[in-house]
Protein backbone atom coordinates (compact mmCIF):
# COMPACT_ATOMS: atom_id res chain seq x y z
CA MET A 1 105.19 69.24 105.04
CA ALA A 2 104.39 71.86 107.78
CA GLU A 3 101.44 71.83 109.98
CA ALA A 4 98.23 74.21 109.53
CA ASP A 5 96.60 76.55 112.09
CA ASP A 6 93.22 76.11 112.46
CA GLY A 7 92.61 79.58 110.49
CA ALA A 8 90.23 79.34 107.38
CA VAL A 9 92.00 78.44 103.89
CA LYS A 10 93.88 81.18 101.69
CA VAL A 11 92.80 81.10 98.15
CA VAL A 12 95.25 82.88 95.65
CA CYS A 13 92.91 83.04 92.07
CA GLY A 14 95.46 83.84 89.01
CA LEU A 15 93.53 84.67 86.28
CA GLY A 16 93.98 83.07 82.64
CA ASN A 17 93.15 81.25 79.97
CA PRO A 18 93.37 77.48 79.65
CA GLY A 19 95.40 76.15 76.65
CA PRO A 20 99.50 76.37 74.84
CA GLU A 21 98.13 79.27 73.12
CA TYR A 22 97.67 81.55 75.97
CA GLU A 23 100.63 80.53 77.76
CA ALA A 24 102.74 83.26 76.43
CA THR A 25 100.20 86.22 76.63
CA ARG A 26 99.45 89.46 78.87
CA HIS A 27 96.11 87.95 80.32
CA ASN A 28 97.92 84.85 81.48
CA LEU A 29 99.98 87.01 83.85
CA GLY A 30 98.49 85.84 86.77
CA TRP A 31 99.11 81.58 86.18
CA TRP A 32 102.83 83.40 85.56
CA VAL A 33 102.68 84.19 89.34
CA LEU A 34 100.96 81.23 90.68
CA ASP A 35 103.55 79.18 88.67
CA ARG A 36 106.42 81.06 90.41
CA ILE A 37 104.63 80.80 93.42
CA ALA A 38 104.12 77.05 93.49
CA ALA A 39 107.73 76.30 93.12
CA ASP A 40 109.06 78.86 95.89
CA TRP A 41 106.44 77.34 98.17
CA GLN A 42 107.00 73.76 97.40
CA LEU A 43 103.47 73.08 97.16
CA GLY A 44 103.92 70.30 93.89
CA ALA A 45 102.04 70.00 90.82
CA PHE A 46 98.48 71.66 89.48
CA ARG A 47 96.04 69.54 89.58
CA ARG A 48 91.96 69.49 88.10
CA ILE A 49 90.01 69.61 90.15
CA GLY A 50 86.36 70.74 89.13
CA ASP A 51 86.44 74.02 87.04
CA ALA A 52 90.08 74.69 88.14
CA SER A 53 93.95 73.31 88.27
CA ILE A 54 95.20 74.15 91.94
CA ALA A 55 98.07 73.45 93.75
CA ALA A 56 97.93 72.92 97.69
CA GLY A 57 99.92 72.92 100.63
CA VAL A 58 101.23 74.99 103.65
CA PHE A 59 102.68 78.27 103.56
CA ALA A 60 103.85 80.21 106.64
CA GLY A 61 101.30 77.83 108.92
CA HIS A 62 98.70 78.68 106.55
CA GLU A 63 96.59 76.44 104.37
CA VAL A 64 96.93 77.48 100.63
CA ARG A 65 95.16 77.13 97.60
CA LEU A 66 96.79 78.16 94.35
CA VAL A 67 93.41 78.50 91.47
CA LYS A 68 93.70 78.51 87.67
CA PRO A 69 90.35 78.89 86.52
CA LEU A 70 89.74 76.74 83.39
CA THR A 71 86.67 78.45 82.51
CA TYR A 72 88.74 81.42 80.30
CA VAL A 73 89.27 84.59 81.93
CA ASN A 74 85.69 85.99 81.00
CA ARG A 75 83.84 82.93 83.43
CA SER A 76 86.65 83.32 86.33
CA GLY A 77 84.57 83.51 88.92
CA GLU A 78 82.80 80.49 88.35
CA ALA A 79 86.06 78.65 89.53
CA LEU A 80 85.99 80.76 92.83
CA VAL A 81 82.29 79.56 94.03
CA PRO A 82 83.04 76.12 95.60
CA PHE A 83 85.46 78.28 98.03
CA LEU A 84 82.69 80.11 99.32
CA ALA A 85 81.01 77.14 100.93
CA ALA A 86 84.05 76.66 103.12
CA GLU A 87 83.73 76.71 106.91
CA GLY A 88 85.72 80.00 107.89
CA PHE A 89 86.31 80.99 104.55
CA VAL A 90 85.97 84.71 104.36
CA VAL A 91 86.08 86.58 100.91
CA GLN A 92 87.31 89.64 102.38
CA ASN A 93 90.40 88.25 104.44
CA ASP A 94 91.17 84.94 102.55
CA LEU A 95 91.15 85.41 99.06
CA LEU A 96 93.63 87.28 96.32
CA VAL A 97 93.26 87.73 92.46
CA ILE A 98 95.93 88.29 90.78
CA VAL A 99 95.25 89.99 87.32
CA ASP A 100 96.69 91.73 84.13
CA ASP A 101 96.16 95.44 84.03
CA VAL A 102 96.58 97.95 81.28
CA ALA A 103 95.82 100.81 83.07
CA LEU A 104 99.42 100.37 84.87
CA ASP A 105 102.92 100.44 83.32
CA VAL A 106 104.73 97.02 82.42
CA GLY A 107 105.87 96.11 85.99
CA ARG A 108 103.94 98.76 88.00
CA VAL A 109 102.30 96.52 90.71
CA ARG A 110 99.00 97.46 92.72
CA PHE A 111 97.74 95.79 96.11
CA ARG A 112 94.15 96.78 96.39
CA ALA A 113 91.30 95.75 99.50
CA SER A 114 88.47 96.06 97.34
CA GLY A 115 87.61 98.34 94.32
CA SER A 116 86.06 98.32 90.82
CA SER A 117 86.31 95.62 87.99
CA GLY A 118 88.33 98.60 85.49
CA GLY A 119 86.61 97.27 82.78
CA HIS A 120 88.42 93.92 83.48
CA ASN A 121 86.00 90.92 82.35
CA GLY A 122 87.75 88.56 84.84
CA LEU A 123 87.00 90.49 87.58
CA LYS A 124 83.72 91.38 86.49
CA SER A 125 83.17 87.51 86.79
CA VAL A 126 85.00 87.19 90.01
CA GLU A 127 82.55 90.02 91.44
CA ALA A 128 79.30 88.53 90.08
CA ALA A 129 80.64 85.17 91.78
CA LEU A 130 81.19 86.40 95.16
CA GLY A 131 78.64 89.44 95.09
CA THR A 132 80.89 91.60 96.31
CA ARG A 133 83.71 94.04 95.15
CA GLU A 134 85.36 93.82 98.84
CA TYR A 135 88.04 91.27 97.80
CA ALA A 136 91.92 91.83 97.91
CA ARG A 137 93.19 92.10 93.86
CA LEU A 138 96.85 92.42 93.19
CA ARG A 139 96.85 94.02 89.60
CA ILE A 140 100.36 93.85 87.46
CA GLY A 141 100.74 96.32 85.09
CA VAL A 142 101.16 95.17 81.26
CA GLY A 143 100.93 98.37 79.58
CA ALA A 144 98.24 100.28 77.51
CA PRO A 145 97.54 99.11 73.70
CA PRO A 146 98.98 101.29 71.19
CA PRO A 147 96.59 103.62 69.54
CA GLY A 148 94.82 101.04 67.17
CA VAL A 149 95.11 98.22 68.69
CA ASP A 150 92.45 96.27 69.59
CA LEU A 151 92.52 95.74 73.65
CA ALA A 152 91.12 91.78 73.27
CA ASP A 153 93.68 91.77 70.75
CA TYR A 154 96.29 93.31 72.78
CA VAL A 155 96.12 91.39 76.11
CA LEU A 156 95.90 87.81 74.37
CA SER A 157 99.38 88.45 72.91
CA ALA A 158 102.68 87.99 73.54
CA PHE A 159 104.93 90.59 75.26
CA PRO A 160 107.58 92.31 73.55
CA PRO A 161 110.79 90.79 74.88
CA GLU A 162 111.88 93.61 76.64
CA ASP A 163 108.48 93.89 78.69
CA GLU A 164 108.45 90.02 79.24
CA GLU A 165 111.84 90.03 80.94
CA ARG A 166 110.74 93.04 82.95
CA ILE A 167 108.27 90.82 83.90
CA VAL A 168 109.91 87.45 84.50
CA GLN A 169 112.42 89.46 86.63
CA LEU A 170 109.59 90.81 88.77
CA LEU A 171 107.97 87.26 89.51
CA PRO A 172 110.14 86.42 92.43
CA GLU A 173 109.03 89.76 94.63
CA LEU A 174 105.65 89.26 93.34
CA SER A 175 105.71 85.85 94.76
CA GLU A 176 107.01 87.13 98.45
CA ALA A 177 104.62 89.80 98.05
CA VAL A 178 102.17 87.34 97.92
CA GLY A 179 103.71 85.57 100.71
CA VAL A 180 102.88 88.85 102.89
CA TRP A 181 99.44 88.76 101.63
CA VAL A 182 99.17 85.27 103.30
CA ARG A 183 100.64 86.72 106.98
CA ASP A 184 99.90 89.54 107.49
CA GLY A 185 96.85 91.01 104.75
CA VAL A 186 96.46 92.80 101.82
CA GLU A 187 97.22 96.56 103.99
CA GLU A 188 100.89 95.48 104.90
CA ALA A 189 101.29 94.02 101.20
CA ALA A 190 100.23 97.37 99.79
CA ARG A 191 102.16 99.26 101.83
CA ARG A 192 105.44 97.53 101.08
CA TYR A 193 105.11 96.64 97.35
CA ASN A 194 102.40 99.02 95.87
CA ARG A 195 104.72 101.10 93.27
């Protein structure tokens, strides 16, 4: 395995819900991305550590941790608390949260260095745990619910086949984009991949 530099660990947190009934849902899109990254970066299997399932290793000279909170989306921030005490860890530089976004069309990608939760309960939990909105996030569009469909029901349902295919085809690019974040930061990732 490659040697890491002396910089702080890079934490990539994908939001999702534990349990097989949630695997294929829109709300678990963050986990889909982490699974692709773990394979591409050869980080090995995810292992349960505390309130999260974590894959660890080195990418581009950086220690990285891929974090799937096991607390359910609405309490995702709890799984990040242990990292806040890590030596040299700076939330603004070393954390990326990957989240589904109903305000973006399916497959649209938006890196942001900071911002509001946009009504996403997972991001509200992250913000509460961190005590700041100044953390990078990667929002991936899942489209808005149709008229008359409850938002919670929508994000906890599976994609229709054509939307799922669009997302699956996007996963290699998303893995590459997160690699750019690790190496070059959120502004460069946004410049190259936002659309």
